C-alpha cells in the first residue's frame, strides 16, 4: 500500500510548489499515490487528466524511443514525468515504484484562485469618472464576471488531438476544413515564401502533407487564434487589432530568437508571443459591450494593469499549461529574474523589448540588455543601434511570419 502523501511532499514538486500552504492542503484531496510493480508500464496517453510524479523507486522514462532513467528523490523526479506536447511517452518501472497522480484541473483552478485574489489596481492619472469605470472593470475581472473568449473550435480540436497517437493526415485535414477562414489562411501560408516549394498547393490535404503533421497542427492553431482578437464594438475594435499586431510582431521575434537558442521550440515560442496579451481581449470587449467612455490613455492603463489578471483567467479557462500561463502573467515584468535558467517568459520579455524599442512606449522601458532575461538567454551583445545581428539578418523571415499570421 503506498505511503500517505503530505504537504511537504507536494511542496517539493514543480509547478505544484507555486501554491500556498493552504492551497497545497486543499490539493491533497485531489492527489492519488499509485504503486507500479517492477516491469509494469504507465502510458502518458492513459493519464491525460493528471500530472504524474515519481515519489520513490527507479523507472525508465521512454520518449520518442529514447529511455531516460529517473530515480525517486532526484531533481527530475520533482518534475512531471510526461510532457503535454510529446506523443507516445511511457514509464517502465525497473524497481517497484510509487507514483503520484495530481489532478491537473484541480491544481489549475487552485492556482488561478490564488493568483487572482487580492489583486490591486495601482493609482492612475484618470478622472474620477474614469477611476470609477476602472474599479468596475477590476471588480468584474477579480470576481470572474468578465465574458471570457471561447477558444476557437479549430484550435480546441487541435489541442485535443495533441496526445492522440491515432490522429493522422485525414483527421487534421477534416478539422482544418471545418473553418473556411483557417483553411484559407493555411493554404495562403503554405504557398507563402516561408514554406513554399516548386509546386503550388490548392487543397488542405496536400498542405498538410507539404507542411508535415506537427507544423500543420501548430500553424493552424496559431492562425485560429486570430479569431479571438476581434470585437463587434466599434469602440474597441481598432485597439484589439493593435493588440493583435503587437502580439504578431513579438511572436515573430520570439520565433527567430528561439531558432538560435538551445532548449527552445520555435513553434512554442511563436505561440507564447501570440498569447502574452490575451488578457486584453476580455477587458476591451467588456469596455465595448458596456459602452464605457474612457480616454485612450485610461483604456491603455486598464489593459496594462489588468492584462495579467484577465489573461490568467483566459488561459486557465482554455486549459493551457502552466508554462504559457506564466508567460501571460509575467511577460510585462521587465526586471523579472526567476532563477538562473531562461524560460519562455524570459524570451517573450526580450522579444517585447525589441518590438517596442522604437515606439513611444519603448522610451519608458529599460534597455533590452538591462533586463535579466537578456543575459540569461545569452544572445550576445547589442550593436550601436541596440539591435541584434541575428534579428537584422532575419528581417525577411520576420516579415514573412508577420504576413502569414496577419493573413
Protein backbone atom coordinates (compact mmCIF):
# COMPACT_ATOMS: atom_id res chain seq x y z
CA UNK A 1 0.00 0.00 0.00
CA UNK A 2 1.55 3.40 -0.98
CA UNK A 3 2.52 5.67 1.90
CA UNK A 4 0.35 8.69 2.62
CA UNK A 5 1.32 11.94 0.89
CA UNK A 6 1.58 15.20 2.86
CA UNK A 7 2.04 18.90 2.16
CA UNK A 8 5.82 18.58 2.41
CA UNK A 9 5.81 16.06 -0.45
CA UNK A 10 3.73 18.38 -2.66
CA UNK A 11 5.84 21.45 -1.85
CA UNK A 12 8.87 19.79 -3.49
CA UNK A 13 7.13 19.33 -6.84
CA UNK A 14 7.22 21.73 -9.81
CA UNK A 15 4.94 23.56 -10.54
CA UNK A 16 2.79 22.34 -7.61
CA UNK A 17 5.03 24.23 -5.19
CA UNK A 18 3.66 27.51 -6.57
CA UNK A 19 0.60 27.00 -4.36
CA UNK A 20 0.46 28.40 -0.85
CA UNK A 21 0.44 26.01 2.09
CA UNK A 22 -3.34 26.37 2.30
CA UNK A 23 -3.61 25.60 -1.41
CA UNK A 24 -1.40 22.54 -1.04
CA UNK A 25 -3.62 21.26 1.76
CA UNK A 26 -6.67 21.61 -0.48
CA UNK A 27 -4.89 19.90 -3.34
CA UNK A 28 -4.16 16.88 -1.14
CA UNK A 29 -7.77 15.88 -1.71
CA UNK A 30 -7.08 15.64 -5.45
CA UNK A 31 -3.92 13.50 -5.45
CA UNK A 32 -3.54 9.74 -5.60
CA UNK A 33 -0.37 7.72 -4.90
CA UNK A 34 -0.16 4.56 -7.00
CA UNK A 35 2.20 1.60 -6.85
CA UNK A 36 3.84 0.45 -10.10
CA UNK A 37 5.33 -3.06 -9.84
CA UNK A 38 8.68 -3.78 -11.50
CA UNK A 39 8.20 -4.40 -15.21
CA UNK A 40 4.85 -2.55 -15.40
CA UNK A 41 4.29 0.30 -17.89
CA UNK A 42 2.34 3.51 -17.46
CA UNK A 43 1.40 5.28 -20.70
CA UNK A 44 1.07 9.07 -20.84
CA UNK A 45 -1.99 8.76 -23.08
CA UNK A 46 -3.83 6.97 -20.25
CA UNK A 47 -3.18 9.78 -17.77
CA UNK A 48 -4.05 12.95 -19.68
CA UNK A 49 -6.08 14.38 -16.78
CA UNK A 50 -3.22 14.00 -14.30
CA UNK A 51 0.33 15.21 -13.78
CA UNK A 52 2.45 12.19 -12.82
CA UNK A 53 5.43 12.39 -10.44
CA UNK A 54 7.86 9.73 -9.18
CA UNK A 55 7.99 9.57 -5.37
CA UNK A 56 10.29 6.58 -4.94
CA UNK A 57 11.81 3.74 -6.94
CA UNK A 58 13.51 3.68 -10.32
CA UNK A 59 11.83 3.99 -13.73
CA UNK A 60 12.83 4.30 -17.35
CA UNK A 61 11.03 7.20 -19.00
CA UNK A 62 10.76 6.42 -22.73
CA UNK A 63 10.28 9.40 -25.03
CA UNK A 64 10.47 9.06 -28.81
CA UNK A 65 12.14 5.67 -28.32
CA UNK A 66 14.89 7.05 -26.06
CA UNK A 67 14.92 5.79 -22.44
CA UNK A 68 15.98 8.03 -19.54
CA UNK A 69 16.40 6.69 -16.03
CA UNK A 70 14.63 8.64 -13.30
CA UNK A 71 15.19 7.87 -9.64
CA UNK A 72 12.91 8.87 -6.79
CA UNK A 73 14.22 11.91 -4.91
CA UNK A 74 16.18 13.25 -7.90
CA UNK A 75 15.64 16.69 -9.40
CA UNK A 76 13.99 15.10 -12.46
CA UNK A 77 11.52 13.24 -10.23
CA UNK A 78 10.25 16.60 -8.94
CA UNK A 79 9.02 17.48 -12.44
CA UNK A 80 6.03 15.89 -14.20
CA UNK A 81 7.18 12.70 -15.89
CA UNK A 82 5.18 13.31 -19.05
CA UNK A 83 5.08 16.31 -21.35
CA UNK A 84 1.80 17.72 -22.66
CA UNK A 85 3.35 18.08 -26.10
CA UNK A 86 5.01 14.73 -26.88
CA UNK A 87 3.13 11.68 -28.13
CA UNK A 88 3.81 8.07 -27.20
CA UNK A 89 5.66 8.57 -23.90
CA UNK A 90 5.55 5.87 -21.25
CA UNK A 91 7.23 4.98 -17.96
CA UNK A 92 8.59 1.48 -17.25
CA UNK A 93 9.24 0.55 -13.62
CA UNK A 94 12.70 -1.01 -13.21
CA UNK A 95 12.04 -1.50 -9.49
CA UNK A 96 8.77 -1.33 -7.53
CA UNK A 97 7.97 2.39 -7.66
CA UNK A 98 5.49 4.83 -6.15
CA UNK A 99 3.98 7.44 -8.47
CA UNK A 100 1.76 10.37 -7.61
CA UNK A 101 -1.20 11.42 -9.73
CA UNK A 102 -2.19 15.09 -9.38
CA UNK A 103 -5.43 16.25 -10.97
CA UNK A 104 -4.39 18.95 -13.47
CA UNK A 105 -7.70 20.80 -13.45
CA UNK A 106 -7.85 20.95 -9.65
CA UNK A 107 -4.31 22.33 -9.48
CA UNK A 108 -5.02 24.86 -12.24
CA UNK A 109 -8.18 26.11 -10.50
CA UNK A 110 -6.47 26.45 -7.13
CA UNK A 111 -3.53 28.31 -8.64
CA UNK A 112 -5.87 30.60 -10.56
CA UNK A 113 -7.80 31.41 -7.38
CA UNK A 114 -4.61 32.31 -5.54
CA UNK A 115 -3.17 34.34 -8.39
CA UNK A 116 -6.31 36.41 -8.85
CA UNK A 117 -7.19 37.06 -5.20
CA UNK A 118 -6.14 40.31 -3.62
CA UNK A 119 -5.09 41.82 -6.95
CA UNK A 120 -4.83 45.60 -6.74
CA UNK A 121 -5.16 48.31 -9.34
CA UNK A 122 -2.37 50.86 -8.94
CA UNK A 123 -3.44 54.51 -8.88
CA UNK A 124 -3.71 56.08 -12.32
CA UNK A 125 -3.92 59.61 -13.61
CA UNK A 126 -7.58 59.15 -14.55
CA UNK A 127 -10.56 61.38 -13.98
CA UNK A 128 -12.94 60.50 -11.14
CA UNK A 129 -15.37 59.07 -13.70
CA UNK A 130 -12.64 57.01 -15.36
CA UNK A 131 -11.45 55.85 -11.96
CA UNK A 132 -14.94 54.57 -11.17
CA UNK A 133 -15.05 52.73 -14.52
CA UNK A 134 -11.63 51.19 -13.89
CA UNK A 135 -12.82 50.00 -10.49
CA UNK A 136 -15.92 48.49 -12.13
CA UNK A 137 -13.69 46.73 -14.64
CA UNK A 138 -11.33 45.50 -11.94
CA UNK A 139 -14.18 44.09 -9.84
CA UNK A 140 -15.61 42.30 -12.88
CA UNK A 141 -12.20 40.76 -13.52
CA UNK A 142 -11.45 39.83 -9.91
CA UNK A 143 -14.92 38.34 -9.41
CA UNK A 144 -14.59 36.39 -12.70
CA UNK A 145 -17.56 38.24 -14.23
CA UNK A 146 -15.74 39.01 -17.46
CA UNK A 147 -17.05 37.29 -20.54
CA UNK A 148 -14.06 35.16 -21.46
CA UNK A 149 -13.44 34.48 -25.15
CA UNK A 150 -14.04 30.87 -26.16
CA UNK A 151 -11.12 29.03 -27.70
CA UNK A 152 -11.76 28.84 -31.46
CA UNK A 153 -13.30 25.48 -32.36
CA UNK A 154 -10.43 24.51 -34.65
CA UNK A 155 -7.84 25.35 -32.02
CA UNK A 156 -9.76 23.42 -29.37
CA UNK A 157 -9.97 20.30 -31.54
CA UNK A 158 -6.30 20.52 -32.44
CA UNK A 159 -5.38 20.83 -28.76
CA UNK A 160 -7.35 17.66 -28.00
CA UNK A 161 -5.52 15.87 -30.83
CA UNK A 162 -2.09 16.66 -29.40
CA UNK A 163 -1.67 13.44 -27.40
CA UNK A 164 -3.64 11.09 -29.63
CA UNK A 165 -1.25 8.73 -31.47
CA UNK A 166 -4.07 7.65 -33.81
CA UNK A 167 -4.51 11.09 -35.36
CA UNK A 168 -3.10 11.41 -38.87
CA UNK A 169 -3.33 13.45 -42.06
CA UNK A 170 -7.02 12.70 -42.67
CA UNK A 171 -8.10 13.77 -39.17
CA UNK A 172 -6.15 17.04 -39.14
CA UNK A 173 -7.38 17.81 -42.69
CA UNK A 174 -11.02 17.38 -41.58
CA UNK A 175 -10.55 19.65 -38.58
CA UNK A 176 -8.89 22.45 -40.56
CA UNK A 177 -11.62 22.28 -43.22
CA UNK A 178 -14.26 22.95 -40.55
CA UNK A 179 -13.30 26.62 -40.59
CA UNK A 180 -13.05 28.24 -44.05
CA UNK A 181 -11.10 31.20 -42.64
CA UNK A 182 -8.45 28.98 -41.05
CA UNK A 183 -8.36 26.69 -44.11
CA UNK A 184 -7.85 29.66 -46.44
CA UNK A 185 -5.17 31.14 -44.19
CA UNK A 186 -3.37 27.77 -44.03
CA UNK A 187 -3.32 27.48 -47.82
CA UNK A 188 -2.07 31.06 -48.10
CA UNK A 189 0.67 30.30 -45.56
CA UNK A 190 1.67 27.06 -47.30
CA UNK A 191 2.17 28.90 -50.57
CA UNK A 192 3.97 31.82 -48.95
CA UNK A 193 7.77 32.23 -49.25
CA UNK A 194 8.06 30.92 -45.69
CA UNK A 195 7.00 27.39 -46.71
CA UNK A 196 6.72 27.38 -50.49
CA UNK A 197 8.48 24.89 -52.76
CA UNK A 198 8.12 24.41 -56.53
CA UNK A 199 4.51 23.18 -56.68
CA UNK A 200 1.50 25.38 -55.92
CA UNK A 201 -0.76 23.83 -53.26
CA UNK A 202 -4.51 24.08 -53.82
CA UNK A 203 -6.10 21.80 -51.19
CA UNK A 204 -5.80 21.26 -47.46
CA UNK A 205 -4.68 17.62 -47.59
CA UNK A 206 -1.73 18.50 -49.83
CA UNK A 207 -0.94 21.40 -47.50
CA UNK A 208 -0.82 19.02 -44.52
CA UNK A 209 1.48 16.67 -46.42
CA UNK A 210 3.70 19.57 -47.50
CA UNK A 211 3.99 21.14 -44.05
CA UNK A 212 4.13 17.94 -42.02
CA UNK A 213 1.72 16.89 -39.31
CA UNK A 214 3.22 18.78 -36.34
CA UNK A 215 3.83 22.01 -38.27
CA UNK A 216 0.25 21.91 -39.59
CA UNK A 217 -1.20 21.50 -36.10
CA UNK A 218 0.86 24.37 -34.71
CA UNK A 219 0.27 26.70 -37.64
CA UNK A 220 -3.48 26.01 -37.78
CA UNK A 221 -3.75 26.58 -34.02
CA UNK A 222 -1.89 29.89 -34.29
CA UNK A 223 -3.94 31.02 -37.30
CA UNK A 224 -7.15 30.21 -35.43
CA UNK A 225 -6.02 32.50 -32.60
CA UNK A 226 -6.54 35.47 -34.91
CA UNK A 227 -10.29 34.97 -34.50
CA UNK A 228 -10.03 35.66 -30.77
CA UNK A 229 -8.61 39.15 -31.29
CA UNK A 230 -11.84 40.56 -32.72
CA UNK A 231 -14.73 42.65 -31.42
CA UNK A 232 -18.23 43.62 -32.51
CA UNK A 233 -17.81 47.01 -30.83
CA UNK A 234 -16.50 49.92 -32.89
CA UNK A 235 -15.40 51.47 -29.60
CA UNK A 236 -12.58 48.96 -29.11
CA UNK A 237 -12.22 47.16 -32.45
CA UNK A 238 -9.18 49.14 -33.55
CA UNK A 239 -7.48 48.74 -30.16
CA UNK A 240 -7.93 44.96 -30.23
CA UNK A 241 -6.47 44.91 -33.73
CA UNK A 242 -3.46 46.84 -32.41
CA UNK A 243 -3.01 44.26 -29.65
CA UNK A 244 -3.00 41.51 -32.29
CA UNK A 245 -0.46 43.40 -34.40
CA UNK A 246 1.82 43.79 -31.38
CA UNK A 247 1.40 40.11 -30.46
CA UNK A 248 2.25 39.02 -34.01
CA UNK A 249 5.39 41.17 -34.02
CA UNK A 250 6.51 39.80 -30.64
CA UNK A 251 5.77 36.22 -31.69
CA UNK A 252 7.80 36.59 -34.90
CA UNK A 253 10.81 37.87 -32.94
CA UNK A 254 10.44 35.10 -30.35
CA UNK A 255 10.29 32.51 -33.14
CA UNK A 256 13.51 33.74 -34.78
CA UNK A 257 15.38 34.01 -31.49
CA UNK A 258 14.24 30.52 -30.40
CA UNK A 259 15.77 29.05 -33.56
CA UNK A 260 19.16 30.22 -32.29
CA UNK A 261 18.72 29.11 -28.67
CA UNK A 262 19.22 25.65 -27.21
CA UNK A 263 16.28 24.22 -25.32
CA UNK A 264 13.60 26.35 -27.01
CA UNK A 265 10.99 25.20 -29.53
CA UNK A 266 10.42 27.97 -32.13
CA UNK A 267 6.77 26.99 -32.68
CA UNK A 268 6.09 27.13 -28.94
CA UNK A 269 7.89 30.47 -28.77
CA UNK A 270 5.57 31.72 -31.52
CA UNK A 271 2.51 30.64 -29.53
CA UNK A 272 3.86 32.24 -26.34
CA UNK A 273 4.28 35.52 -28.20
CA UNK A 274 0.75 35.40 -29.59
CA UNK A 275 -0.75 34.64 -26.18
CA UNK A 276 1.10 37.09 -23.94
CA UNK A 277 -1.55 39.85 -24.26
CA UNK A 278 -4.62 37.62 -24.43
CA UNK A 279 -5.99 39.26 -21.28
CA UNK A 280 -6.57 42.46 -23.23
CA UNK A 281 -9.35 40.81 -25.24
CA UNK A 282 -11.96 40.31 -22.48
CA UNK A 283 -11.02 43.67 -20.93
CA UNK A 284 -11.56 45.59 -24.16
CA UNK A 285 -14.69 43.63 -25.02
CA UNK A 286 -16.08 44.47 -21.56
CA UNK A 287 -15.41 48.16 -22.24
CA UNK A 288 -17.07 47.92 -25.66
CA UNK A 289 -20.08 45.88 -24.59
CA UNK A 290 -20.84 48.23 -21.69
CA UNK A 291 -20.11 51.37 -23.76
CA UNK A 292 -17.67 52.65 -21.14
CA UNK A 293 -16.38 56.05 -22.18
CA UNK A 294 -12.64 56.01 -21.47
CA UNK A 295 -9.92 58.19 -22.91
CA UNK A 296 -7.32 56.29 -24.97
CA UNK A 297 -4.85 56.77 -22.12
CA UNK A 298 -7.24 55.39 -19.49
CA UNK A 299 -8.16 52.48 -21.78
CA UNK A 300 -4.49 51.64 -22.21
CA UNK A 301 -3.98 51.92 -18.45
CA UNK A 302 -6.84 49.47 -17.86
CA UNK A 303 -5.34 46.96 -20.27
CA UNK A 304 -1.85 47.28 -18.82
CA UNK A 305 -2.98 46.87 -15.23
CA UNK A 306 -5.50 44.07 -15.75
CA UNK A 307 -3.96 42.10 -18.63
CA UNK A 308 -2.13 39.63 -16.38
CA UNK A 309 -5.15 39.00 -14.17
CA UNK A 310 -7.60 38.58 -17.05
CA UNK A 311 -5.04 36.64 -19.08
CA UNK A 312 -4.60 34.03 -16.35
CA UNK A 313 -8.38 33.59 -16.28
CA UNK A 314 -8.48 33.03 -20.05
CA UNK A 315 -5.56 30.61 -20.09
CA UNK A 316 -7.00 28.53 -17.28
CA UNK A 317 -10.41 28.61 -18.96
CA UNK A 318 -8.78 27.26 -22.11
CA UNK A 319 -6.84 24.59 -20.21
CA UNK A 320 -3.41 25.88 -21.29
CA UNK A 321 -0.32 24.66 -19.46
CA UNK A 322 1.47 26.39 -16.59
CA UNK A 323 4.46 27.42 -18.70
CA UNK A 324 2.27 29.51 -21.01
CA UNK A 325 0.21 30.84 -18.09
CA UNK A 326 3.44 32.17 -16.59
CA UNK A 327 4.16 33.99 -19.85
CA UNK A 328 0.75 35.70 -19.75
CA UNK A 329 1.11 36.58 -16.08
CA UNK A 330 4.69 37.88 -16.04
CA UNK A 331 5.70 38.96 -19.56
CA UNK A 332 5.41 42.66 -18.65
CA UNK A 333 7.69 42.33 -15.61
CA UNK A 334 10.74 43.76 -17.35
CA UNK A 335 13.17 43.08 -14.50
CA UNK A 336 11.84 39.57 -13.80
CA UNK A 337 14.60 37.25 -12.58
CA UNK A 338 13.26 33.79 -11.74
CA UNK A 339 16.39 31.70 -11.29
CA UNK A 340 19.44 31.16 -13.50
CA UNK A 341 17.80 29.28 -16.37
CA UNK A 342 15.94 31.16 -19.10
CA UNK A 343 12.34 30.18 -19.87
CA UNK A 344 9.70 31.17 -22.42
CA UNK A 345 8.63 34.12 -20.30
CA UNK A 346 12.19 35.49 -20.47
CA UNK A 347 12.12 35.00 -24.24
CA UNK A 348 8.85 36.93 -24.59
CA UNK A 349 10.10 39.73 -22.31
CA UNK A 350 13.17 40.22 -24.52
CA UNK A 351 11.08 39.94 -27.69
CA UNK A 352 8.73 42.62 -26.40
CA UNK A 353 11.61 44.96 -25.60
CA UNK A 354 12.91 44.57 -29.15
CA UNK A 355 9.40 45.03 -30.60
CA UNK A 356 8.73 48.17 -28.55
CA UNK A 357 12.22 49.65 -28.82
CA UNK A 358 11.39 52.38 -31.34
CA UNK A 359 7.85 53.10 -30.12
CA UNK A 360 6.82 55.90 -27.71
CA UNK A 361 6.26 53.26 -25.02
CA UNK A 362 9.76 51.94 -25.62
CA UNK A 363 11.22 55.21 -24.38
CA UNK A 364 9.86 54.45 -20.90
CA UNK A 365 11.18 50.88 -20.78
CA UNK A 366 14.61 49.57 -19.78
CA UNK A 367 17.17 48.86 -22.49
CA UNK A 368 16.88 45.31 -23.74
CA UNK A 369 20.30 44.38 -22.35
CA UNK A 370 19.35 45.77 -18.92
CA UNK A 371 16.69 43.08 -18.44
CA UNK A 372 17.92 40.00 -16.52
CA UNK A 373 16.17 37.86 -19.16
CA UNK A 374 18.54 39.12 -21.85
CA UNK A 375 21.66 37.95 -20.01
CA UNK A 376 20.11 34.54 -19.28
CA UNK A 377 19.28 33.96 -22.93
CA UNK A 378 22.95 34.58 -23.89
CA UNK A 379 22.08 36.27 -27.17
CA UNK A 380 25.32 38.19 -27.43
CA UNK A 381 25.96 41.96 -27.39
CA UNK A 382 23.72 44.58 -28.95
CA UNK A 383 25.07 46.71 -31.77
CA UNK A 384 25.20 50.51 -31.72
CA UNK A 385 21.52 50.62 -32.75
CA UNK A 386 20.60 48.41 -29.77
CA UNK A 387 19.72 45.59 -32.13
CA UNK A 388 20.94 42.01 -32.57
CA UNK A 389 22.75 40.87 -35.68
CA UNK A 390 20.59 37.73 -35.81
CA UNK A 391 17.41 39.83 -35.99
CA UNK A 392 18.85 42.13 -38.64
CA UNK A 393 19.81 39.14 -40.77
CA UNK A 394 16.35 37.61 -40.30
CA UNK A 395 14.33 40.68 -41.31
CA UNK A 396 12.99 38.92 -44.39
CA UNK A 397 11.89 35.92 -42.33
CA UNK A 398 10.32 38.18 -39.70
CA UNK A 399 8.29 39.93 -42.38
CA UNK A 400 7.11 36.61 -43.83
CA UNK A 401 5.97 35.38 -40.42
CA UNK A 402 4.03 38.60 -39.88
CA UNK A 403 2.38 38.25 -43.27
CA UNK A 404 1.38 34.64 -42.59
CA UNK A 405 -0.22 35.49 -39.24
CA UNK A 406 -1.89 38.67 -40.44
CA UNK A 407 -3.29 36.87 -43.48
